Amino acid sequence: MVAQKPLLRTYWQTIGDLTNLFATGEVSCAFSWRVPYDALKDKLSMGMAKPKAGIMGWCDCFAMPATLSAEKSEIGYKFIDYLLGAEFATQIAKIGNYATTSSIIRDELSKEQQAAIFVDDMDVMKSFMWPVAPENYSEWLKIWNEVKAS
């Protein structure tokens, strides 16, 4: 990784930084999520890739402390239900260009909207590569810090 570092412009810190790097032509390729693409697709010739090796998968989750009061737990569950429901799924798909974990609205989207969030072909999920924390995380972190400092 140290030997390949000269091939890289930077390790970006925020999605805004990466968007600016694309906009100014300082980078032409990056590992990212949709934000730079959606912000710049009408201004620059750019696209998103579905690598043959697979697509990085991720999973967000919900958690509540076990010590939460019954009243606050009820509010928490209502919020979770909202985030998993059709209203939010529609907003996140149509405005945020993200798929949800449920098919609750997929069939309500146009073919173009389905393609934009990669749910037009559900076989794409078979190629997901899920991140796994290294067993020797402290050693991995030490090496990563050495790479960044080089």
N, C-alpha and C. Protein backbone atom coordinates (compact mmCIF):
# COMPACT_ATOMS: atom_id res chain seq x y z
N MET A 1 0.82 -1.19 0.00
CA MET A 1 0.00 0.00 0.00
C MET A 1 0.87 1.26 0.00
N VAL A 2 2.00 1.19 0.69
CA VAL A 2 2.90 2.35 0.70
C VAL A 2 3.47 2.55 -0.70
N ALA A 3 3.83 1.45 -1.37
CA ALA A 3 4.40 1.56 -2.71
C ALA A 3 3.39 2.12 -3.71
N GLN A 4 2.11 1.87 -3.51
CA GLN A 4 1.09 2.36 -4.44
C GLN A 4 0.57 3.75 -4.08
N LYS A 5 0.93 4.27 -2.94
CA LYS A 5 0.42 5.57 -2.51
C LYS A 5 0.69 6.69 -3.52
N PRO A 6 1.85 6.71 -4.21
CA PRO A 6 2.06 7.78 -5.21
C PRO A 6 1.04 7.77 -6.35
N LEU A 7 0.34 6.67 -6.53
CA LEU A 7 -0.69 6.60 -7.57
C LEU A 7 -1.99 7.27 -7.15
N LEU A 8 -2.09 7.63 -5.88
CA LEU A 8 -3.32 8.21 -5.34
C LEU A 8 -3.16 9.72 -5.16
N ARG A 9 -4.23 10.44 -5.40
CA ARG A 9 -4.24 11.89 -5.17
C ARG A 9 -4.34 12.17 -3.68
N THR A 10 -5.25 11.45 -3.00
CA THR A 10 -5.47 11.69 -1.58
C THR A 10 -6.34 10.59 -1.02
N TYR A 11 -6.37 10.49 0.28
CA TYR A 11 -7.40 9.73 0.99
C TYR A 11 -8.40 10.78 1.46
N TRP A 12 -9.60 10.78 0.88
CA TRP A 12 -10.55 11.83 1.22
C TRP A 12 -11.12 11.60 2.62
N GLN A 13 -11.49 12.71 3.26
CA GLN A 13 -11.99 12.68 4.63
C GLN A 13 -13.51 12.82 4.72
N THR A 14 -14.07 13.69 3.89
CA THR A 14 -15.52 13.90 3.92
C THR A 14 -16.06 13.76 2.51
N ILE A 15 -17.33 13.48 2.40
CA ILE A 15 -17.96 13.32 1.09
C ILE A 15 -17.94 14.64 0.34
N GLY A 16 -18.00 15.77 1.06
CA GLY A 16 -17.88 17.08 0.42
C GLY A 16 -16.51 17.27 -0.21
N ASP A 17 -15.46 16.80 0.50
CA ASP A 17 -14.11 16.86 -0.06
C ASP A 17 -14.04 16.08 -1.37
N LEU A 18 -14.60 14.88 -1.36
CA LEU A 18 -14.54 14.05 -2.56
C LEU A 18 -15.33 14.68 -3.70
N THR A 19 -16.48 15.22 -3.41
CA THR A 19 -17.28 15.89 -4.44
C THR A 19 -16.48 17.02 -5.08
N ASN A 20 -15.81 17.80 -4.24
CA ASN A 20 -14.97 18.89 -4.76
C ASN A 20 -13.80 18.37 -5.58
N LEU A 21 -13.19 17.27 -5.16
CA LEU A 21 -12.09 16.69 -5.92
C LEU A 21 -12.54 16.26 -7.32
N PHE A 22 -13.73 15.68 -7.41
CA PHE A 22 -14.28 15.33 -8.73
C PHE A 22 -14.57 16.59 -9.53
N ALA A 23 -15.22 17.57 -8.89
CA ALA A 23 -15.64 18.78 -9.59
C ALA A 23 -14.46 19.56 -10.17
N THR A 24 -13.33 19.54 -9.48
CA THR A 24 -12.15 20.28 -9.94
C THR A 24 -11.25 19.44 -10.84
N GLY A 25 -11.64 18.19 -11.08
CA GLY A 25 -10.85 17.32 -11.95
C GLY A 25 -9.61 16.74 -11.29
N GLU A 26 -9.51 16.88 -9.97
CA GLU A 26 -8.33 16.35 -9.28
C GLU A 26 -8.35 14.83 -9.15
N VAL A 27 -9.53 14.23 -9.19
CA VAL A 27 -9.64 12.77 -9.18
C VAL A 27 -10.58 12.34 -10.30
N SER A 28 -10.34 11.17 -10.79
CA SER A 28 -11.20 10.64 -11.86
C SER A 28 -11.87 9.34 -11.45
N CYS A 29 -11.49 8.80 -10.31
CA CYS A 29 -12.06 7.54 -9.84
C CYS A 29 -11.92 7.51 -8.32
N ALA A 30 -12.92 6.97 -7.64
CA ALA A 30 -12.85 6.89 -6.18
C ALA A 30 -13.83 5.85 -5.68
N PHE A 31 -13.51 5.29 -4.54
CA PHE A 31 -14.45 4.45 -3.81
C PHE A 31 -15.31 5.40 -3.01
N SER A 32 -16.62 5.33 -3.20
CA SER A 32 -17.49 6.29 -2.57
C SER A 32 -18.91 5.75 -2.53
N TRP A 33 -19.82 6.56 -2.06
CA TRP A 33 -21.23 6.28 -2.24
C TRP A 33 -21.79 7.30 -3.23
N ARG A 34 -23.06 7.42 -3.36
CA ARG A 34 -23.70 8.13 -4.46
C ARG A 34 -23.56 9.64 -4.46
N VAL A 35 -23.29 10.26 -3.36
CA VAL A 35 -23.39 11.71 -3.23
C VAL A 35 -22.65 12.47 -4.34
N PRO A 36 -21.36 12.20 -4.59
CA PRO A 36 -20.69 12.95 -5.66
C PRO A 36 -21.33 12.72 -7.02
N TYR A 37 -21.72 11.49 -7.30
CA TYR A 37 -22.35 11.19 -8.58
C TYR A 37 -23.64 11.99 -8.75
N ASP A 38 -24.50 11.95 -7.77
CA ASP A 38 -25.78 12.66 -7.87
C ASP A 38 -25.58 14.17 -7.96
N ALA A 39 -24.57 14.69 -7.26
CA ALA A 39 -24.33 16.13 -7.28
C ALA A 39 -23.74 16.61 -8.60
N LEU A 40 -22.99 15.74 -9.28
CA LEU A 40 -22.23 16.19 -10.45
C LEU A 40 -22.62 15.56 -11.78
N LYS A 41 -23.54 14.58 -11.78
CA LYS A 41 -23.84 13.84 -13.01
C LYS A 41 -24.36 14.73 -14.14
N ASP A 42 -24.98 15.85 -13.82
CA ASP A 42 -25.47 16.75 -14.86
C ASP A 42 -24.42 17.78 -15.28
N LYS A 43 -23.29 17.80 -14.57
CA LYS A 43 -22.23 18.77 -14.86
C LYS A 43 -20.99 18.12 -15.45
N LEU A 44 -20.76 16.85 -15.12
CA LEU A 44 -19.59 16.13 -15.60
C LEU A 44 -20.02 14.82 -16.24
N SER A 45 -19.20 14.33 -17.13
CA SER A 45 -19.44 13.00 -17.68
C SER A 45 -18.91 11.99 -16.67
N MET A 46 -19.81 11.33 -15.99
CA MET A 46 -19.39 10.36 -14.98
C MET A 46 -20.42 9.26 -14.84
N GLY A 47 -20.03 8.18 -14.23
CA GLY A 47 -20.93 7.06 -14.03
C GLY A 47 -20.57 6.30 -12.78
N MET A 48 -21.39 5.32 -12.48
CA MET A 48 -21.14 4.43 -11.35
C MET A 48 -20.87 3.05 -11.91
N ALA A 49 -20.05 2.30 -11.21
CA ALA A 49 -19.65 0.98 -11.69
C ALA A 49 -20.29 -0.11 -10.85
N LYS A 50 -20.56 -1.23 -11.50
CA LYS A 50 -20.94 -2.47 -10.83
C LYS A 50 -19.83 -3.46 -11.17
N PRO A 51 -18.75 -3.48 -10.37
CA PRO A 51 -17.62 -4.34 -10.70
C PRO A 51 -18.00 -5.82 -10.78
N LYS A 52 -17.37 -6.53 -11.70
CA LYS A 52 -17.63 -7.96 -11.84
C LYS A 52 -17.28 -8.72 -10.57
N ALA A 53 -16.28 -8.23 -9.84
CA ALA A 53 -15.85 -8.90 -8.61
C ALA A 53 -16.89 -8.81 -7.51
N GLY A 54 -17.81 -7.85 -7.63
CA GLY A 54 -18.86 -7.69 -6.62
C GLY A 54 -19.00 -6.25 -6.17
N ILE A 55 -20.08 -6.00 -5.49
CA ILE A 55 -20.39 -4.66 -5.00
C ILE A 55 -20.32 -4.68 -3.48
N MET A 56 -19.72 -3.64 -2.92
CA MET A 56 -19.63 -3.55 -1.47
C MET A 56 -21.03 -3.39 -0.88
N GLY A 57 -21.36 -4.27 0.03
CA GLY A 57 -22.65 -4.17 0.72
C GLY A 57 -22.45 -3.49 2.07
N TRP A 58 -23.50 -2.96 2.60
CA TRP A 58 -23.44 -2.38 3.93
C TRP A 58 -24.81 -2.52 4.56
N CYS A 59 -24.83 -2.36 5.85
CA CYS A 59 -26.07 -2.51 6.58
C CYS A 59 -26.10 -1.51 7.72
N ASP A 60 -27.12 -0.70 7.75
CA ASP A 60 -27.35 0.17 8.89
C ASP A 60 -28.24 -0.59 9.86
N CYS A 61 -28.19 -0.24 11.11
CA CYS A 61 -29.04 -0.95 12.07
C CYS A 61 -29.58 0.03 13.11
N PHE A 62 -30.53 -0.45 13.84
CA PHE A 62 -31.14 0.33 14.91
C PHE A 62 -30.76 -0.30 16.24
N ALA A 63 -30.58 0.51 17.25
CA ALA A 63 -30.28 0.00 18.58
C ALA A 63 -30.87 0.95 19.62
N MET A 64 -31.31 0.35 20.69
CA MET A 64 -31.81 1.14 21.82
C MET A 64 -31.22 0.52 23.08
N PRO A 65 -30.86 1.35 24.05
CA PRO A 65 -30.34 0.81 25.30
C PRO A 65 -31.38 -0.07 26.01
N ALA A 66 -30.93 -1.14 26.60
CA ALA A 66 -31.83 -2.04 27.33
C ALA A 66 -32.47 -1.33 28.52
N THR A 67 -31.85 -0.28 29.00
CA THR A 67 -32.34 0.44 30.18
C THR A 67 -33.34 1.55 29.83
N LEU A 68 -33.72 1.66 28.55
CA LEU A 68 -34.64 2.71 28.14
C LEU A 68 -36.00 2.51 28.80
N SER A 69 -36.61 3.61 29.19
CA SER A 69 -37.94 3.52 29.81
C SER A 69 -38.95 3.02 28.78
N ALA A 70 -40.06 2.52 29.28
CA ALA A 70 -41.11 2.00 28.39
C ALA A 70 -41.62 3.10 27.46
N GLU A 71 -41.77 4.30 27.99
CA GLU A 71 -42.26 5.42 27.17
C GLU A 71 -41.28 5.74 26.04
N LYS A 72 -40.01 5.82 26.36
CA LYS A 72 -39.01 6.13 25.34
C LYS A 72 -38.82 4.96 24.37
N SER A 73 -38.97 3.73 24.86
CA SER A 73 -38.89 2.57 23.97
C SER A 73 -40.02 2.61 22.95
N GLU A 74 -41.21 2.98 23.38
CA GLU A 74 -42.34 3.07 22.46
C GLU A 74 -42.07 4.11 21.37
N ILE A 75 -41.52 5.25 21.77
CA ILE A 75 -41.17 6.29 20.80
C ILE A 75 -40.09 5.77 19.85
N GLY A 76 -39.10 5.07 20.38
CA GLY A 76 -38.04 4.50 19.55
C GLY A 76 -38.59 3.52 18.52
N TYR A 77 -39.48 2.65 18.93
CA TYR A 77 -40.08 1.69 18.00
C TYR A 77 -40.92 2.38 16.93
N LYS A 78 -41.61 3.45 17.31
CA LYS A 78 -42.39 4.20 16.32
C LYS A 78 -41.46 4.82 15.26
N PHE A 79 -40.32 5.33 15.73
CA PHE A 79 -39.35 5.91 14.80
C PHE A 79 -38.79 4.84 13.87
N ILE A 80 -38.47 3.69 14.42
CA ILE A 80 -37.97 2.58 13.60
C ILE A 80 -39.02 2.16 12.59
N ASP A 81 -40.26 2.04 13.02
CA ASP A 81 -41.34 1.69 12.09
C ASP A 81 -41.45 2.71 10.96
N TYR A 82 -41.29 4.00 11.30
CA TYR A 82 -41.33 5.03 10.27
C TYR A 82 -40.19 4.84 9.27
N LEU A 83 -38.98 4.61 9.78
CA LEU A 83 -37.82 4.45 8.90
C LEU A 83 -37.92 3.20 8.02
N LEU A 84 -38.65 2.20 8.45
CA LEU A 84 -38.83 0.99 7.66
C LEU A 84 -40.10 1.02 6.81
N GLY A 85 -40.88 2.08 6.95
CA GLY A 85 -42.17 2.16 6.27
C GLY A 85 -42.11 2.74 4.87
N ALA A 86 -43.25 2.73 4.22
CA ALA A 86 -43.36 3.15 2.82
C ALA A 86 -43.08 4.64 2.61
N GLU A 87 -43.53 5.49 3.54
CA GLU A 87 -43.34 6.94 3.35
C GLU A 87 -41.85 7.29 3.28
N PHE A 88 -41.08 6.81 4.25
CA PHE A 88 -39.64 7.10 4.26
C PHE A 88 -38.94 6.38 3.11
N ALA A 89 -39.33 5.15 2.83
CA ALA A 89 -38.72 4.38 1.73
C ALA A 89 -38.90 5.12 0.41
N THR A 90 -40.06 5.73 0.21
CA THR A 90 -40.31 6.49 -1.01
C THR A 90 -39.38 7.70 -1.08
N GLN A 91 -39.27 8.43 0.03
CA GLN A 91 -38.40 9.61 0.05
C GLN A 91 -36.94 9.23 -0.19
N ILE A 92 -36.47 8.21 0.48
CA ILE A 92 -35.06 7.83 0.37
C ILE A 92 -34.76 7.29 -1.03
N ALA A 93 -35.72 6.66 -1.67
CA ALA A 93 -35.51 6.13 -3.02
C ALA A 93 -35.58 7.23 -4.08
N LYS A 94 -36.58 8.08 -3.98
CA LYS A 94 -36.79 9.08 -5.02
C LYS A 94 -35.94 10.34 -4.83
N ILE A 95 -35.69 10.74 -3.61
CA ILE A 95 -34.93 11.95 -3.35
C ILE A 95 -33.46 11.61 -3.07
N GLY A 96 -33.23 10.63 -2.23
CA GLY A 96 -31.87 10.29 -1.83
C GLY A 96 -31.19 9.27 -2.71
N ASN A 97 -31.96 8.64 -3.62
CA ASN A 97 -31.41 7.63 -4.53
C ASN A 97 -30.80 6.44 -3.80
N TYR A 98 -31.43 6.00 -2.73
CA TYR A 98 -30.97 4.83 -2.00
C TYR A 98 -32.08 3.79 -1.96
N ALA A 99 -31.66 2.55 -2.06
CA ALA A 99 -32.60 1.44 -1.91
C ALA A 99 -32.85 1.20 -0.42
N THR A 100 -33.95 0.57 -0.12
CA THR A 100 -34.25 0.20 1.26
C THR A 100 -34.13 -1.31 1.39
N THR A 101 -34.20 -1.78 2.60
CA THR A 101 -34.07 -3.21 2.84
C THR A 101 -35.34 -3.96 2.50
N SER A 102 -36.38 -3.26 2.20
CA SER A 102 -37.65 -3.91 1.94
C SER A 102 -38.14 -3.58 0.54
N SER A 103 -38.93 -4.47 -0.01
CA SER A 103 -39.48 -4.26 -1.34
C SER A 103 -40.78 -3.46 -1.28
N ILE A 104 -41.04 -2.83 -0.16
CA ILE A 104 -42.31 -2.17 0.12
C ILE A 104 -42.73 -1.18 -0.97
N ILE A 105 -41.77 -0.53 -1.65
CA ILE A 105 -42.14 0.44 -2.68
C ILE A 105 -41.53 0.14 -4.04
N ARG A 106 -40.69 -0.89 -4.14
CA ARG A 106 -39.95 -1.14 -5.38
C ARG A 106 -40.87 -1.15 -6.60
N ASP A 107 -41.97 -1.84 -6.51
CA ASP A 107 -42.87 -1.94 -7.66
C ASP A 107 -43.60 -0.64 -7.96
N GLU A 108 -43.53 0.34 -7.06
CA GLU A 108 -44.13 1.64 -7.28
C GLU A 108 -43.20 2.58 -8.05
N LEU A 109 -41.93 2.19 -8.18
CA LEU A 109 -40.94 3.03 -8.87
C LEU A 109 -40.94 2.72 -10.36
N SER A 110 -40.62 3.72 -11.15
CA SER A 110 -40.48 3.50 -12.59
C SER A 110 -39.25 2.63 -12.84
N LYS A 111 -39.14 2.07 -14.02
CA LYS A 111 -37.97 1.25 -14.38
C LYS A 111 -36.69 2.08 -14.24
N GLU A 112 -36.75 3.35 -14.64
CA GLU A 112 -35.59 4.23 -14.53
C GLU A 112 -35.21 4.45 -13.06
N GLN A 113 -36.21 4.66 -12.21
CA GLN A 113 -35.93 4.86 -10.78
C GLN A 113 -35.37 3.58 -10.16
N GLN A 114 -35.89 2.43 -10.57
CA GLN A 114 -35.36 1.16 -10.07
C GLN A 114 -33.91 0.98 -10.50
N ALA A 115 -33.60 1.30 -11.76
CA ALA A 115 -32.23 1.15 -12.26
C ALA A 115 -31.28 2.10 -11.53
N ALA A 116 -31.75 3.30 -11.21
CA ALA A 116 -30.90 4.30 -10.56
C ALA A 116 -30.44 3.85 -9.18
N ILE A 117 -31.25 3.03 -8.51
CA ILE A 117 -30.87 2.57 -7.17
C ILE A 117 -30.55 1.07 -7.17
N PHE A 118 -30.33 0.51 -8.36
CA PHE A 118 -29.89 -0.88 -8.53
C PHE A 118 -30.86 -1.91 -7.97
N VAL A 119 -32.17 -1.64 -8.06
CA VAL A 119 -33.13 -2.66 -7.64
C VAL A 119 -33.94 -3.17 -8.82
N ASP A 120 -33.52 -2.82 -10.04
CA ASP A 120 -34.20 -3.33 -11.23
C ASP A 120 -33.84 -4.80 -11.46
N ASP A 121 -32.68 -5.21 -10.98
CA ASP A 121 -32.24 -6.59 -11.09
C ASP A 121 -31.76 -7.03 -9.71
N MET A 122 -32.61 -7.73 -9.00
CA MET A 122 -32.30 -8.10 -7.62
C MET A 122 -31.14 -9.10 -7.52
N ASP A 123 -30.72 -9.68 -8.65
CA ASP A 123 -29.56 -10.57 -8.64
C ASP A 123 -28.29 -9.83 -8.23
N VAL A 124 -28.31 -8.50 -8.30
CA VAL A 124 -27.13 -7.72 -7.91
C VAL A 124 -26.75 -8.03 -6.45
N MET A 125 -27.74 -8.38 -5.64
CA MET A 125 -27.47 -8.69 -4.24
C MET A 125 -26.59 -9.93 -4.08
N LYS A 126 -26.61 -10.81 -5.08
CA LYS A 126 -25.77 -12.00 -5.00
C LYS A 126 -24.30 -11.66 -5.08
N SER A 127 -23.98 -10.46 -5.58
CA SER A 127 -22.57 -10.06 -5.72
C SER A 127 -22.09 -9.21 -4.55
N PHE A 128 -22.94 -8.97 -3.56
CA PHE A 128 -22.52 -8.12 -2.44
C PHE A 128 -21.34 -8.73 -1.71
N MET A 129 -20.37 -7.89 -1.41
CA MET A 129 -19.24 -8.26 -0.56
C MET A 129 -19.41 -7.49 0.74
N TRP A 130 -19.53 -8.20 1.83
CA TRP A 130 -19.78 -7.56 3.11
C TRP A 130 -18.48 -7.31 3.84
N PRO A 131 -18.26 -6.10 4.33
CA PRO A 131 -17.03 -5.83 5.07
C PRO A 131 -16.93 -6.69 6.32
N VAL A 132 -15.74 -7.14 6.59
CA VAL A 132 -15.49 -7.95 7.78
C VAL A 132 -14.30 -7.33 8.51
N ALA A 133 -14.47 -7.08 9.78
CA ALA A 133 -13.36 -6.51 10.56
C ALA A 133 -12.25 -7.54 10.66
N PRO A 134 -11.00 -7.10 10.46
CA PRO A 134 -9.89 -8.04 10.57
C PRO A 134 -9.76 -8.58 11.99
N GLU A 135 -9.33 -9.84 12.10
CA GLU A 135 -9.17 -10.44 13.43
C GLU A 135 -8.12 -9.69 14.24
N ASN A 136 -7.08 -9.22 13.55
CA ASN A 136 -6.00 -8.50 14.22
C ASN A 136 -6.17 -7.00 14.01
N TYR A 137 -7.30 -6.47 14.43
CA TYR A 137 -7.66 -5.08 14.14
C TYR A 137 -6.59 -4.09 14.59
N SER A 138 -6.01 -4.28 15.76
CA SER A 138 -5.02 -3.31 16.25
C SER A 138 -3.79 -3.31 15.34
N GLU A 139 -3.37 -4.47 14.84
CA GLU A 139 -2.24 -4.53 13.90
C GLU A 139 -2.63 -3.89 12.57
N TRP A 140 -3.83 -4.17 12.11
CA TRP A 140 -4.33 -3.57 10.86
C TRP A 140 -4.34 -2.05 10.98
N LEU A 141 -4.82 -1.55 12.10
CA LEU A 141 -4.89 -0.10 12.32
C LEU A 141 -3.50 0.51 12.34
N LYS A 142 -2.56 -0.17 12.95
CA LYS A 142 -1.17 0.32 12.99
C LYS A 142 -0.62 0.44 11.56
N ILE A 143 -0.83 -0.58 10.75
CA ILE A 143 -0.34 -0.55 9.36
C ILE A 143 -1.05 0.55 8.58
N TRP A 144 -2.35 0.69 8.76
CA TRP A 144 -3.10 1.71 8.04
C TRP A 144 -2.58 3.11 8.39
N ASN A 145 -2.29 3.34 9.66
CA ASN A 145 -1.75 4.63 10.08
C ASN A 145 -0.35 4.86 9.48
N GLU A 146 0.44 3.80 9.35
CA GLU A 146 1.75 3.92 8.71
C GLU A 146 1.60 4.29 7.23
N VAL A 147 0.62 3.69 6.57
CA VAL A 147 0.37 3.99 5.14
C VAL A 147 -0.02 5.47 4.99
N LYS A 148 -0.94 5.92 5.81
CA LYS A 148 -1.39 7.31 5.72
C LYS A 148 -0.26 8.29 6.04
N ALA A 149 0.62 7.92 6.95
CA ALA A 149 1.71 8.82 7.34
C ALA A 149 2.87 8.81 6.35
N SER A 150 2.91 7.83 5.47
CA SER A 150 4.05 7.72 4.54
C SER A 150 4.02 8.77 3.45
